[in-house]
Amino acid sequence: MVKKRHDAVRGVPEISFAAPVGTPAGVEVLPLAELRRRVPAERLTAPQRPDFHHLIVVTGGTLWHTVDFTAYALEPGSWLWVRPGQVQQWGDLTHAEGTLVLFREDFLDQATAAGALVADPHAPNLRRPLPEDAQALRLAADHLAAEFRALGRLPLEIHTAALRHLLAVLVLRLAHLTAPVGSPVPEPDATYLRFRDAVERDFARTRRVEDYALALGYSARTLARATLAAAGLGAKEFIDRRVVLEAKRLLAHSDQSAARIADRLGFSSATHFNKYFHQRTGQTPIAFRDTVRGRSPS
């Protein structure tokens, strides 16, 4: 299912996709029961930051799954989509049944990836099928699982093509025949979308609203209004939340020092970063790391 690649710069293992021997590189489908048998519980509950997609559907029982430090309760019929770069932690799998689909983004053709918003870092994680579409989505998942298990019935290249098409059906249905869980939000306008994308690209370079306004050709007030209308918070708070999220991801998943993380996120010093993080989370960076990894702060 996965392999760990040692990164000498960070000094910690990175989880990368590794297809089972003899199967098409880029996708794997397995029951949650198989995941329980294959991976020790302590590895699953530790923070992970995979570089591939996870689709999880629960068909029986309940599963708690944490994505970017938000805990989700997956009940039968609900779907969770964890994207590359997000930090996840599995809950207790003992009483949950369902299916896990793992895939690399490059396994899909470009049109499918664009149509399903596969690379959208702001897409909701937890989704539920609309009532009239639940069966179609379930059939798409079942068909994909059946084809994955049918290795050897077709030439490998034909089998791979079939899996690619069936995965495309699943992700397109999941993107367009499901609704995010929670209160509906208004369709964001172009100003907010441009600002959101700029923050995603440059949050480690600048945390100043004025810099984004200048780069995008808006006033800071225009960005503030657009962000408040679309996201329910101010532009500066939006930037700060993105910086804090990345700091949390690095603290949870890696063993980098606060000084190294401060440098990666564009802070002038570890002291400045520590103060910034504490003001916004109520914890020091190292205390947060200990908490998320289930250790008592020293």
Protein backbone atom coordinates (compact mmCIF):
# COMPACT_ATOMS: atom_id res chain seq x y z
CA MET A 1 0.00 0.00 0.00
CA VAL A 2 2.63 2.54 1.01
CA LYS A 3 6.34 2.82 1.37
CA LYS A 4 8.43 5.19 3.43
CA ARG A 5 10.97 7.30 1.61
CA HIS A 6 13.76 8.74 3.76
CA ASP A 7 14.31 12.44 3.16
CA ALA A 8 17.81 13.44 4.29
CA VAL A 9 16.92 17.13 4.49
CA ARG A 10 14.04 16.60 6.87
CA GLY A 11 15.41 13.49 8.54
CA VAL A 12 11.98 11.84 8.71
CA PRO A 13 10.21 9.22 6.58
CA GLU A 14 7.74 10.39 3.94
CA ILE A 15 4.81 8.15 2.99
CA SER A 16 4.67 7.51 -0.74
CA PHE A 17 2.45 5.33 -2.87
CA ALA A 18 3.69 1.81 -3.63
CA ALA A 19 1.46 -0.47 -5.65
CA PRO A 20 1.26 -4.14 -4.63
CA VAL A 21 3.54 -6.37 -6.70
CA GLY A 22 2.03 -7.19 -10.07
CA THR A 23 -0.76 -4.59 -9.90
CA PRO A 24 -1.08 -1.35 -11.90
CA ALA A 25 1.08 1.43 -10.49
CA GLY A 26 -1.04 4.30 -9.26
CA VAL A 27 -4.17 2.82 -7.69
CA GLU A 28 -5.15 0.31 -5.02
CA VAL A 29 -8.55 -0.69 -3.63
CA LEU A 30 -8.88 -2.63 -0.39
CA PRO A 31 -11.46 -3.31 2.32
CA LEU A 32 -10.92 -1.64 5.68
CA ALA A 33 -10.68 -5.15 7.14
CA GLU A 34 -7.59 -5.74 4.99
CA LEU A 35 -6.10 -2.46 6.20
CA ARG A 36 -6.60 -3.64 9.80
CA ARG A 37 -4.75 -6.86 9.06
CA ARG A 38 -1.96 -5.26 7.11
CA VAL A 39 -0.99 -2.15 9.11
CA PRO A 40 -0.35 -2.04 12.87
CA ALA A 41 -2.76 0.23 14.73
CA GLU A 42 0.06 2.36 16.16
CA ARG A 43 1.20 3.23 12.64
CA LEU A 44 -2.28 4.22 11.55
CA THR A 45 -2.96 6.46 14.54
CA ALA A 46 0.34 8.32 14.15
CA PRO A 47 0.24 11.54 12.06
CA GLN A 48 0.79 10.80 8.37
CA ARG A 49 1.25 13.12 5.40
CA PRO A 50 0.94 10.91 2.31
CA ASP A 51 1.68 12.16 -1.20
CA PHE A 52 -1.35 10.39 -2.71
CA HIS A 53 -5.15 10.51 -2.41
CA HIS A 54 -7.29 8.51 0.03
CA LEU A 55 -11.01 7.91 -0.58
CA ILE A 56 -12.74 6.25 2.35
CA VAL A 57 -16.35 5.07 2.39
CA VAL A 58 -17.87 3.40 5.44
CA THR A 59 -20.53 0.74 4.89
CA GLY A 60 -20.94 -0.44 8.48
CA GLY A 61 -20.15 0.90 11.93
CA THR A 62 -18.54 4.27 12.55
CA LEU A 63 -15.00 5.47 11.95
CA TRP A 64 -13.34 8.57 13.36
CA HIS A 65 -10.73 10.02 11.05
CA THR A 66 -8.75 13.22 11.59
CA VAL A 67 -7.70 15.39 8.66
CA ASP A 68 -5.61 18.51 9.23
CA PHE A 69 -6.46 18.33 12.95
CA THR A 70 -10.24 18.24 12.42
CA ALA A 71 -11.94 15.01 13.53
CA TYR A 72 -14.67 13.58 11.29
CA ALA A 73 -17.20 10.87 12.17
CA LEU A 74 -17.76 8.65 9.15
CA GLU A 75 -21.08 6.83 9.23
CA PRO A 76 -22.44 4.40 6.62
CA GLY A 77 -22.78 6.17 3.29
CA SER A 78 -20.44 9.04 4.08
CA TRP A 79 -17.24 9.61 2.13
CA LEU A 80 -13.94 11.14 3.18
CA TRP A 81 -11.45 12.47 0.63
CA VAL A 82 -7.95 13.08 1.98
CA ARG A 83 -5.67 14.87 -0.48
CA PRO A 84 -1.89 14.80 -0.81
CA GLY A 85 -0.16 17.06 1.70
CA GLN A 86 -2.91 16.88 4.29
CA VAL A 87 -2.03 15.35 7.64
CA GLN A 88 -4.29 12.47 8.64
CA GLN A 89 -4.68 10.16 11.64
CA TRP A 90 -6.82 7.05 11.60
CA GLY A 91 -9.16 6.28 14.45
CA ASP A 92 -10.09 2.85 15.78
CA LEU A 93 -10.87 0.57 12.83
CA THR A 94 -12.12 -2.31 14.96
CA HIS A 95 -15.83 -1.77 14.35
CA ALA A 96 -15.76 -0.09 10.94
CA GLU A 97 -16.34 -1.76 7.60
CA GLY A 98 -15.92 -0.16 4.23
CA THR A 99 -13.57 0.47 1.34
CA LEU A 100 -10.35 2.43 0.94
CA VAL A 101 -9.26 3.69 -2.49
CA LEU A 102 -5.68 4.93 -2.82
CA PHE A 103 -4.49 6.65 -5.98
CA ARG A 104 -1.85 8.95 -7.35
CA GLU A 105 -3.13 12.04 -9.09
CA ASP A 106 -1.20 11.22 -12.26
CA PHE A 107 -3.14 7.96 -12.60
CA LEU A 108 -6.08 10.04 -13.87
CA ASP A 109 -6.14 11.84 -17.19
CA GLN A 110 -5.93 15.64 -17.04
CA ALA A 111 -9.55 16.25 -18.05
CA THR A 112 -10.82 14.00 -15.25
CA ALA A 113 -8.49 15.55 -12.67
CA ALA A 114 -9.70 19.03 -13.64
CA GLY A 115 -13.37 18.05 -13.76
CA ALA A 116 -13.25 16.39 -10.35
CA LEU A 117 -11.22 19.25 -8.79
CA VAL A 118 -8.72 16.64 -7.69
CA ALA A 119 -5.97 19.18 -6.99
CA ASP A 120 -8.18 21.67 -5.12
CA PRO A 121 -6.64 22.06 -1.62
CA HIS A 122 -9.80 23.81 -0.42
CA ALA A 123 -12.26 21.09 -1.39
CA PRO A 124 -14.25 19.69 1.55
CA ASN A 125 -13.01 16.45 3.06
CA LEU A 126 -16.29 14.95 4.30
CA ARG A 127 -19.10 14.49 1.80
CA ARG A 128 -22.41 12.64 1.66
CA PRO A 129 -24.17 11.51 -1.51
CA LEU A 130 -27.40 13.22 -2.37
CA PRO A 131 -30.17 10.67 -1.64
CA GLU A 132 -31.02 10.09 -5.29
CA ASP A 133 -27.35 9.49 -6.18
CA ALA A 134 -26.16 7.30 -3.30
CA GLN A 135 -26.70 4.02 -5.16
CA ALA A 136 -24.89 5.19 -8.30
CA LEU A 137 -21.87 6.22 -6.24
CA ARG A 138 -21.85 2.91 -4.38
CA LEU A 139 -22.04 1.00 -7.66
CA ALA A 140 -19.11 2.99 -9.03
CA ALA A 141 -17.03 2.06 -5.98
CA ASP A 142 -18.06 -1.59 -6.15
CA HIS A 143 -17.26 -1.81 -9.86
CA LEU A 144 -13.81 -0.30 -9.26
CA ALA A 145 -13.14 -2.76 -6.41
CA ALA A 146 -14.28 -5.72 -8.51
CA GLU A 147 -12.04 -4.73 -11.40
CA PHE A 148 -9.06 -4.28 -9.08
CA ARG A 149 -9.57 -7.81 -7.72
CA ALA A 150 -9.82 -9.21 -11.26
CA LEU A 151 -6.10 -8.91 -11.93
CA GLY A 152 -5.07 -11.46 -14.54
CA ARG A 153 -8.44 -11.71 -16.25
CA LEU A 154 -7.35 -9.12 -18.82
CA PRO A 155 -3.97 -8.11 -20.22
CA LEU A 156 -2.32 -5.78 -17.71
CA GLU A 157 -2.47 -2.71 -19.94
CA ILE A 158 -6.20 -3.28 -20.59
CA HIS A 159 -6.81 -3.92 -16.89
CA THR A 160 -4.99 -0.65 -16.09
CA ALA A 161 -7.05 1.28 -18.63
CA ALA A 162 -10.27 -0.13 -17.17
CA LEU A 163 -9.20 0.87 -13.65
CA ARG A 164 -8.35 4.38 -14.86
CA HIS A 165 -11.79 4.79 -16.42
CA LEU A 166 -13.63 3.35 -13.41
CA LEU A 167 -11.69 5.57 -11.00
CA ALA A 168 -12.60 8.54 -13.21
CA VAL A 169 -16.29 7.67 -12.89
CA LEU A 170 -15.95 7.43 -9.11
CA VAL A 171 -14.14 10.73 -8.54
CA LEU A 172 -16.36 12.64 -10.95
CA ARG A 173 -19.47 11.32 -9.23
CA LEU A 174 -17.99 12.03 -5.82
CA ALA A 175 -17.17 15.61 -6.78
CA HIS A 176 -20.51 16.40 -8.36
CA LEU A 177 -23.13 14.06 -6.85
CA THR A 178 -22.32 14.70 -3.22
CA ALA A 179 -22.75 17.66 -0.89
CA PRO A 180 -20.28 18.95 1.69
CA VAL A 181 -21.33 18.13 5.24
CA GLY A 182 -22.31 21.28 7.15
CA SER A 183 -23.98 24.57 6.30
CA PRO A 184 -24.05 25.51 2.61
CA VAL A 185 -21.73 28.34 1.65
CA PRO A 186 -22.27 30.92 -1.09
CA GLU A 187 -20.42 30.55 -4.37
CA PRO A 188 -17.16 32.52 -3.96
CA ASP A 189 -16.49 35.40 -6.32
CA ALA A 190 -13.43 35.86 -8.52
CA THR A 191 -11.74 38.29 -6.14
CA TYR A 192 -11.77 35.81 -3.29
CA LEU A 193 -10.66 32.92 -5.50
CA ARG A 194 -7.67 34.91 -6.78
CA PHE A 195 -6.75 35.89 -3.22
CA ARG A 196 -7.17 32.32 -1.97
CA ASP A 197 -4.91 30.96 -4.70
CA ALA A 198 -2.30 33.66 -4.07
CA VAL A 199 -2.23 32.83 -0.36
CA GLU A 200 -1.82 29.14 -1.13
CA ARG A 201 1.13 29.99 -3.33
CA ASP A 202 2.82 32.70 -1.23
CA PHE A 203 1.88 32.26 2.43
CA ALA A 204 5.48 31.34 3.30
CA ARG A 205 6.72 34.50 1.60
CA THR A 206 4.41 37.15 3.07
CA ARG A 207 1.68 37.40 5.68
CA ARG A 208 0.71 41.00 4.78
CA VAL A 209 -2.69 41.66 3.21
CA GLU A 210 -1.21 44.74 1.54
CA ASP A 211 1.29 42.62 -0.38
CA TYR A 212 -1.47 40.43 -1.80
CA ALA A 213 -3.59 43.46 -2.66
CA LEU A 214 -0.69 45.03 -4.57
CA ALA A 215 0.11 41.81 -6.42
CA LEU A 216 -3.52 41.22 -7.40
CA GLY A 217 -4.43 44.82 -8.23
CA TYR A 218 -7.05 45.27 -5.48
CA SER A 219 -7.25 47.42 -2.42
CA ALA A 220 -6.76 45.74 0.96
CA ARG A 221 -10.34 46.72 1.79
CA THR A 222 -11.67 44.93 -1.31
CA LEU A 223 -9.82 41.74 -0.31
CA ALA A 224 -11.17 42.04 3.23
CA ARG A 225 -14.77 42.35 2.00
CA ALA A 226 -14.44 39.47 -0.47
CA THR A 227 -12.86 37.15 2.09
CA LEU A 228 -15.43 37.99 4.74
CA ALA A 229 -18.29 37.29 2.33
CA ALA A 230 -16.85 33.99 1.07
CA ALA A 231 -15.05 32.57 4.11
CA GLY A 232 -16.62 34.40 7.05
CA LEU A 233 -13.36 35.88 8.30
CA GLY A 234 -11.02 38.73 7.52
CA ALA A 235 -8.23 38.58 4.96
CA LYS A 236 -5.45 38.73 7.59
CA GLU A 237 -7.07 35.95 9.60
CA PHE A 238 -7.34 33.87 6.42
CA ILE A 239 -3.61 34.23 5.79
CA ASP A 240 -2.75 33.48 9.41
CA ARG A 241 -4.89 30.34 9.46
CA ARG A 242 -3.09 29.01 6.39
CA VAL A 243 0.31 29.68 7.97
CA VAL A 244 -0.74 28.01 11.23
CA LEU A 245 -2.12 25.00 9.35
CA GLU A 246 1.19 24.46 7.57
CA ALA A 247 3.06 24.90 10.84
CA LYS A 248 0.83 22.27 12.45
CA ARG A 249 1.37 19.89 9.53
CA LEU A 250 5.14 20.20 9.80
CA LEU A 251 5.12 19.89 13.57
CA ALA A 252 2.87 16.82 13.54
CA HIS A 253 4.52 14.93 10.72
CA SER A 254 8.19 15.84 10.98
CA ASP A 255 10.84 16.14 13.64
CA GLN A 256 12.10 19.47 12.38
CA SER A 257 13.04 22.01 15.02
CA ALA A 258 10.95 25.12 15.59
CA ALA A 259 13.83 27.13 14.13
CA ARG A 260 13.79 25.07 10.91
CA ILE A 261 10.02 25.38 10.58
CA ALA A 262 10.23 29.11 11.26
CA ASP A 263 12.70 29.45 8.41
CA ARG A 264 10.53 27.40 6.03
CA LEU A 265 7.51 29.59 6.80
CA GLY A 266 9.34 32.87 6.33
CA PHE A 267 9.76 33.97 9.95
CA SER A 268 12.80 36.02 10.88
CA SER A 269 13.51 33.90 13.96
CA ALA A 270 12.30 30.95 15.98
CA THR A 271 11.31 33.37 18.75
CA HIS A 272 9.03 35.28 16.39
CA PHE A 273 7.49 32.03 15.13
CA ASN A 274 6.96 30.67 18.65
CA LYS A 275 5.15 33.86 19.70
CA TYR A 276 3.03 33.92 16.53
CA PHE A 277 2.03 30.25 16.93
CA HIS A 278 1.26 30.59 20.65
CA GLN A 279 -0.91 33.67 20.12
CA ARG A 280 -3.07 31.81 17.58
CA THR A 281 -3.25 28.35 19.12
CA GLY A 282 -2.65 28.81 22.85
CA GLN A 283 0.25 26.34 22.69
CA THR A 284 3.93 26.49 21.95
CA PRO A 285 4.97 24.64 18.79
CA ILE A 286 6.64 21.82 20.70
CA ALA A 287 3.70 21.45 23.11
CA PHE A 288 1.40 21.15 20.07
CA ARG A 289 3.66 18.44 18.61
CA ASP A 290 3.58 16.48 21.86
CA THR A 291 -0.20 16.78 22.08
CA VAL A 292 -0.94 15.62 18.54
CA ARG A 293 1.45 12.69 18.89
CA GLY A 294 -0.13 11.63 22.18
CA ARG A 295 2.85 12.43 24.35
CA SER A 296 2.95 14.31 27.60
CA PRO A 297 4.81 17.60 27.18
CA SER A 298 8.21 17.42 28.82
